[in-house]
N, C-alpha and C. Protein backbone atom coordinates (compact mmCIF):
# COMPACT_ATOMS: atom_id res chain seq x y z
N MET A 1 0.10 -5.01 -12.92
CA MET A 1 0.45 -4.62 -11.58
C MET A 1 0.58 -3.10 -11.53
N PRO A 2 -0.49 -2.40 -11.17
CA PRO A 2 -0.40 -0.94 -11.07
C PRO A 2 0.48 -0.51 -9.90
N LYS A 3 1.56 0.17 -10.22
CA LYS A 3 2.44 0.74 -9.20
C LYS A 3 1.86 2.09 -8.84
N ILE A 4 1.70 2.33 -7.54
CA ILE A 4 1.08 3.60 -7.15
C ILE A 4 2.05 4.55 -6.45
N PHE A 5 2.99 4.00 -5.69
CA PHE A 5 3.98 4.83 -5.01
C PHE A 5 5.31 4.09 -4.95
N GLU A 6 6.37 4.87 -4.82
CA GLU A 6 7.64 4.34 -4.36
C GLU A 6 8.07 5.28 -3.25
N TYR A 7 8.36 4.70 -2.08
CA TYR A 7 8.76 5.50 -0.93
C TYR A 7 10.06 4.95 -0.37
N LEU A 8 11.13 5.72 -0.48
CA LEU A 8 12.45 5.32 0.01
C LEU A 8 12.84 3.93 -0.48
N GLY A 9 12.53 3.65 -1.74
CA GLY A 9 12.88 2.37 -2.35
C GLY A 9 11.84 1.28 -2.18
N ILE A 10 10.81 1.51 -1.37
CA ILE A 10 9.73 0.53 -1.18
C ILE A 10 8.71 0.74 -2.30
N LEU A 11 8.47 -0.29 -3.08
CA LEU A 11 7.47 -0.20 -4.15
C LEU A 11 6.11 -0.56 -3.56
N ILE A 12 5.14 0.32 -3.76
CA ILE A 12 3.80 0.14 -3.22
C ILE A 12 2.86 0.01 -4.41
N PHE A 13 2.10 -1.10 -4.44
CA PHE A 13 1.35 -1.43 -5.65
C PHE A 13 0.13 -2.30 -5.35
N PHE A 14 -0.72 -2.42 -6.39
CA PHE A 14 -1.83 -3.37 -6.39
C PHE A 14 -1.50 -4.44 -7.41
N TYR A 15 -2.03 -5.63 -7.22
CA TYR A 15 -2.04 -6.60 -8.30
C TYR A 15 -3.29 -6.32 -9.13
N SER A 16 -3.27 -6.65 -10.40
CA SER A 16 -4.37 -6.30 -11.30
C SER A 16 -5.68 -7.02 -10.98
N ASN A 17 -5.61 -8.15 -10.30
CA ASN A 17 -6.82 -8.94 -10.02
C ASN A 17 -7.12 -8.97 -8.52
N GLU A 18 -7.04 -7.81 -7.88
CA GLU A 18 -7.20 -7.74 -6.43
C GLU A 18 -8.61 -8.05 -5.97
N HIS A 19 -8.75 -8.21 -4.69
CA HIS A 19 -10.00 -8.56 -4.02
C HIS A 19 -10.12 -7.71 -2.77
N GLU A 20 -11.30 -7.69 -2.19
CA GLU A 20 -11.48 -6.97 -0.94
C GLU A 20 -11.03 -7.85 0.22
N PRO A 21 -10.66 -7.31 1.36
CA PRO A 21 -10.72 -5.89 1.68
C PRO A 21 -9.70 -5.10 0.87
N ILE A 22 -9.93 -3.80 0.79
CA ILE A 22 -8.98 -2.94 0.11
C ILE A 22 -7.62 -3.15 0.76
N HIS A 23 -6.62 -3.38 -0.06
CA HIS A 23 -5.27 -3.57 0.47
C HIS A 23 -4.24 -3.17 -0.58
N VAL A 24 -3.01 -3.02 -0.11
CA VAL A 24 -1.91 -2.62 -0.96
C VAL A 24 -0.70 -3.48 -0.59
N HIS A 25 0.14 -3.74 -1.56
CA HIS A 25 1.36 -4.52 -1.34
C HIS A 25 2.55 -3.59 -1.28
N ALA A 26 3.54 -3.98 -0.49
CA ALA A 26 4.79 -3.23 -0.39
C ALA A 26 5.94 -4.20 -0.56
N LYS A 27 6.85 -3.88 -1.47
CA LYS A 27 7.96 -4.77 -1.80
C LYS A 27 9.27 -4.00 -1.73
N TYR A 28 10.26 -4.66 -1.10
CA TYR A 28 11.59 -4.07 -1.02
C TYR A 28 12.62 -5.19 -0.98
N ASP A 29 13.49 -5.23 -1.96
CA ASP A 29 14.64 -6.14 -1.96
C ASP A 29 14.26 -7.59 -1.65
N GLY A 30 13.21 -8.10 -2.31
CA GLY A 30 12.81 -9.50 -2.13
C GLY A 30 11.88 -9.74 -0.96
N PHE A 31 11.56 -8.71 -0.18
CA PHE A 31 10.63 -8.83 0.94
C PHE A 31 9.30 -8.21 0.51
N GLU A 32 8.20 -8.76 0.99
CA GLU A 32 6.89 -8.22 0.62
C GLU A 32 5.88 -8.42 1.75
N SER A 33 5.12 -7.38 2.01
CA SER A 33 4.02 -7.42 2.98
C SER A 33 2.82 -6.75 2.33
N LYS A 34 1.68 -6.86 3.00
CA LYS A 34 0.51 -6.13 2.51
C LYS A 34 -0.15 -5.42 3.68
N ALA A 35 -0.87 -4.36 3.36
CA ALA A 35 -1.63 -3.60 4.36
C ALA A 35 -3.09 -3.63 3.95
N GLU A 36 -3.93 -4.09 4.87
CA GLU A 36 -5.37 -4.14 4.63
C GLU A 36 -6.03 -2.95 5.33
N PHE A 37 -6.97 -2.33 4.64
CA PHE A 37 -7.67 -1.15 5.15
C PHE A 37 -9.09 -1.55 5.53
N TYR A 38 -9.47 -1.26 6.77
CA TYR A 38 -10.82 -1.54 7.23
C TYR A 38 -11.55 -0.20 7.34
N ILE A 39 -12.69 -0.13 6.65
CA ILE A 39 -13.39 1.14 6.49
C ILE A 39 -14.82 0.99 6.99
N ILE A 40 -15.22 1.91 7.86
CA ILE A 40 -16.59 1.94 8.37
C ILE A 40 -17.14 3.33 8.10
N GLU A 41 -18.30 3.37 7.45
CA GLU A 41 -18.98 4.62 7.11
C GLU A 41 -18.03 5.62 6.44
N GLY A 42 -17.24 5.11 5.50
CA GLY A 42 -16.38 5.97 4.70
C GLY A 42 -15.09 6.41 5.36
N LYS A 43 -14.81 5.93 6.56
CA LYS A 43 -13.58 6.31 7.26
C LYS A 43 -12.73 5.08 7.55
N ILE A 44 -11.43 5.24 7.37
CA ILE A 44 -10.50 4.15 7.68
C ILE A 44 -10.44 4.03 9.20
N THR A 45 -10.81 2.87 9.71
CA THR A 45 -10.82 2.66 11.16
C THR A 45 -9.61 1.86 11.63
N GLU A 46 -9.01 1.10 10.70
CA GLU A 46 -7.87 0.28 11.07
C GLU A 46 -7.08 -0.10 9.83
N ILE A 47 -5.78 -0.23 10.00
CA ILE A 47 -4.90 -0.73 8.94
C ILE A 47 -4.09 -1.86 9.56
N LYS A 48 -4.16 -3.04 8.94
CA LYS A 48 -3.41 -4.19 9.43
C LYS A 48 -2.35 -4.57 8.41
N ILE A 49 -1.10 -4.62 8.86
CA ILE A 49 -0.02 -5.08 7.99
C ILE A 49 0.13 -6.57 8.20
N LYS A 50 0.13 -7.31 7.09
CA LYS A 50 0.17 -8.77 7.15
C LYS A 50 1.28 -9.32 6.27
N ALA A 51 1.76 -10.48 6.68
CA ALA A 51 2.72 -11.23 5.85
C ALA A 51 1.94 -11.90 4.72
N ILE A 52 2.65 -12.23 3.66
CA ILE A 52 2.06 -12.92 2.52
C ILE A 52 2.65 -14.32 2.49
N LYS A 53 1.78 -15.30 2.44
CA LYS A 53 2.21 -16.70 2.48
C LYS A 53 3.28 -16.97 1.42
N GLY A 54 4.38 -17.57 1.86
CA GLY A 54 5.45 -17.94 0.95
C GLY A 54 6.48 -16.85 0.68
N LEU A 55 6.26 -15.66 1.23
CA LEU A 55 7.19 -14.54 1.01
C LEU A 55 7.73 -14.04 2.35
N ARG A 56 8.93 -13.51 2.31
CA ARG A 56 9.52 -12.92 3.52
C ARG A 56 8.93 -11.52 3.72
N PRO A 57 8.39 -11.24 4.91
CA PRO A 57 7.76 -9.94 5.15
C PRO A 57 8.79 -8.84 5.37
N LEU A 58 8.36 -7.61 5.11
CA LEU A 58 9.19 -6.46 5.45
C LEU A 58 9.47 -6.50 6.96
N SER A 59 10.64 -6.01 7.35
CA SER A 59 10.96 -5.98 8.77
C SER A 59 11.87 -4.80 9.06
N GLY A 60 12.11 -4.57 10.32
CA GLY A 60 13.03 -3.53 10.75
C GLY A 60 12.67 -2.15 10.25
N SER A 61 13.66 -1.43 9.76
CA SER A 61 13.45 -0.04 9.35
C SER A 61 12.53 0.07 8.14
N LYS A 62 12.54 -0.91 7.25
CA LYS A 62 11.66 -0.83 6.07
C LYS A 62 10.21 -1.05 6.46
N LEU A 63 9.95 -1.90 7.44
CA LEU A 63 8.58 -2.07 7.94
C LEU A 63 8.13 -0.76 8.59
N LYS A 64 8.99 -0.13 9.37
CA LYS A 64 8.67 1.15 10.01
C LYS A 64 8.42 2.23 8.96
N ASP A 65 9.24 2.26 7.90
CA ASP A 65 9.01 3.22 6.82
C ASP A 65 7.64 3.01 6.19
N PHE A 66 7.27 1.75 5.96
CA PHE A 66 5.97 1.43 5.37
C PHE A 66 4.84 1.88 6.31
N GLU A 67 4.99 1.61 7.59
CA GLU A 67 3.97 2.03 8.57
C GLU A 67 3.81 3.55 8.57
N ASP A 68 4.94 4.27 8.57
CA ASP A 68 4.89 5.73 8.55
C ASP A 68 4.20 6.24 7.29
N PHE A 69 4.52 5.61 6.16
CA PHE A 69 3.92 5.99 4.89
C PHE A 69 2.40 5.79 4.94
N LEU A 70 1.98 4.65 5.44
CA LEU A 70 0.54 4.35 5.52
C LEU A 70 -0.20 5.36 6.39
N GLU A 71 0.43 5.78 7.45
CA GLU A 71 -0.18 6.75 8.36
C GLU A 71 -0.56 8.03 7.62
N LEU A 72 0.30 8.47 6.72
CA LEU A 72 0.04 9.73 6.01
C LEU A 72 -0.70 9.56 4.69
N TYR A 73 -0.56 8.40 4.04
CA TYR A 73 -1.08 8.25 2.69
C TYR A 73 -2.25 7.25 2.58
N ALA A 74 -2.80 6.81 3.69
CA ALA A 74 -3.87 5.81 3.65
C ALA A 74 -5.05 6.26 2.81
N ASP A 75 -5.51 7.47 3.01
CA ASP A 75 -6.68 7.96 2.26
C ASP A 75 -6.38 8.01 0.76
N LYS A 76 -5.17 8.41 0.41
CA LYS A 76 -4.80 8.49 -1.00
C LYS A 76 -4.71 7.09 -1.63
N ILE A 77 -4.23 6.11 -0.85
CA ILE A 77 -4.17 4.73 -1.34
C ILE A 77 -5.58 4.21 -1.61
N VAL A 78 -6.49 4.42 -0.67
CA VAL A 78 -7.88 3.97 -0.85
C VAL A 78 -8.51 4.66 -2.05
N GLU A 79 -8.25 5.94 -2.21
CA GLU A 79 -8.77 6.68 -3.37
C GLU A 79 -8.26 6.07 -4.68
N LYS A 80 -6.97 5.74 -4.72
CA LYS A 80 -6.40 5.14 -5.93
C LYS A 80 -7.00 3.76 -6.18
N TRP A 81 -7.23 2.99 -5.12
CA TRP A 81 -7.86 1.67 -5.25
C TRP A 81 -9.23 1.81 -5.92
N ILE A 82 -10.05 2.72 -5.39
CA ILE A 82 -11.40 2.93 -5.92
C ILE A 82 -11.34 3.42 -7.36
N ASP A 83 -10.46 4.38 -7.64
CA ASP A 83 -10.33 4.87 -9.01
C ASP A 83 -9.97 3.73 -9.97
N TYR A 84 -9.06 2.87 -9.55
CA TYR A 84 -8.58 1.80 -10.44
C TYR A 84 -9.58 0.65 -10.57
N PHE A 85 -10.06 0.14 -9.44
CA PHE A 85 -10.88 -1.07 -9.48
C PHE A 85 -12.37 -0.80 -9.66
N VAL A 86 -12.86 0.35 -9.23
CA VAL A 86 -14.29 0.65 -9.37
C VAL A 86 -14.55 1.47 -10.62
N TYR A 87 -13.79 2.56 -10.80
CA TYR A 87 -14.03 3.47 -11.92
C TYR A 87 -13.17 3.18 -13.14
N HIS A 88 -12.24 2.23 -13.03
CA HIS A 88 -11.36 1.82 -14.13
C HIS A 88 -10.59 3.00 -14.73
N LYS A 89 -10.15 3.88 -13.86
CA LYS A 89 -9.35 5.03 -14.28
C LYS A 89 -7.87 4.67 -14.25
N ASN A 90 -7.09 5.39 -15.02
CA ASN A 90 -5.64 5.30 -14.89
C ASN A 90 -5.24 6.02 -13.63
N ILE A 91 -4.24 5.50 -12.94
CA ILE A 91 -3.80 6.15 -11.71
C ILE A 91 -2.35 6.59 -11.85
N GLN A 92 -2.03 7.68 -11.17
CA GLN A 92 -0.69 8.27 -11.23
C GLN A 92 0.26 7.57 -10.28
N PHE A 93 1.46 7.29 -10.76
CA PHE A 93 2.54 6.79 -9.93
C PHE A 93 3.26 7.97 -9.31
N GLU A 94 3.56 7.88 -8.02
CA GLU A 94 4.26 8.96 -7.33
C GLU A 94 5.50 8.38 -6.64
N LYS A 95 6.64 9.04 -6.85
CA LYS A 95 7.89 8.61 -6.23
C LYS A 95 8.27 9.64 -5.17
N ILE A 96 8.51 9.14 -3.96
CA ILE A 96 8.86 10.01 -2.83
C ILE A 96 10.20 9.56 -2.29
N ASN A 97 11.19 10.43 -2.41
CA ASN A 97 12.56 10.07 -2.01
C ASN A 97 12.99 10.68 -0.68
N THR A 98 12.15 11.51 -0.09
CA THR A 98 12.51 12.10 1.18
C THR A 98 11.65 11.53 2.30
N ARG A 99 12.24 11.35 3.45
CA ARG A 99 11.54 10.77 4.60
C ARG A 99 10.40 11.69 4.99
N ILE A 100 9.23 11.13 5.30
CA ILE A 100 8.06 11.93 5.60
C ILE A 100 7.89 12.22 7.09
N LYS A 101 8.67 11.58 7.92
CA LYS A 101 8.59 11.83 9.38
C LYS A 101 9.90 12.29 9.90
């Protein structure tokens, strides 16, 4: 499970055996959601946050924190996905403790 970011206590990661569409998981205190990235001609056109079957989704302020994070870090998340799953590179974990908005 490659951990790629931690933002205000929200762990943002990939599972090792991921599938397309490109997506990332966010976990906080027993809650977990995922964000799927839709890309057309190399540009992110949409990000959909979805619940994961059998798990309680992020909600309230933590969901808003995740949405804000995605707004600023979407390109970096996609880059890390490609580096890890396509190029089999090691990826850097980044911890962010200050609010970005």
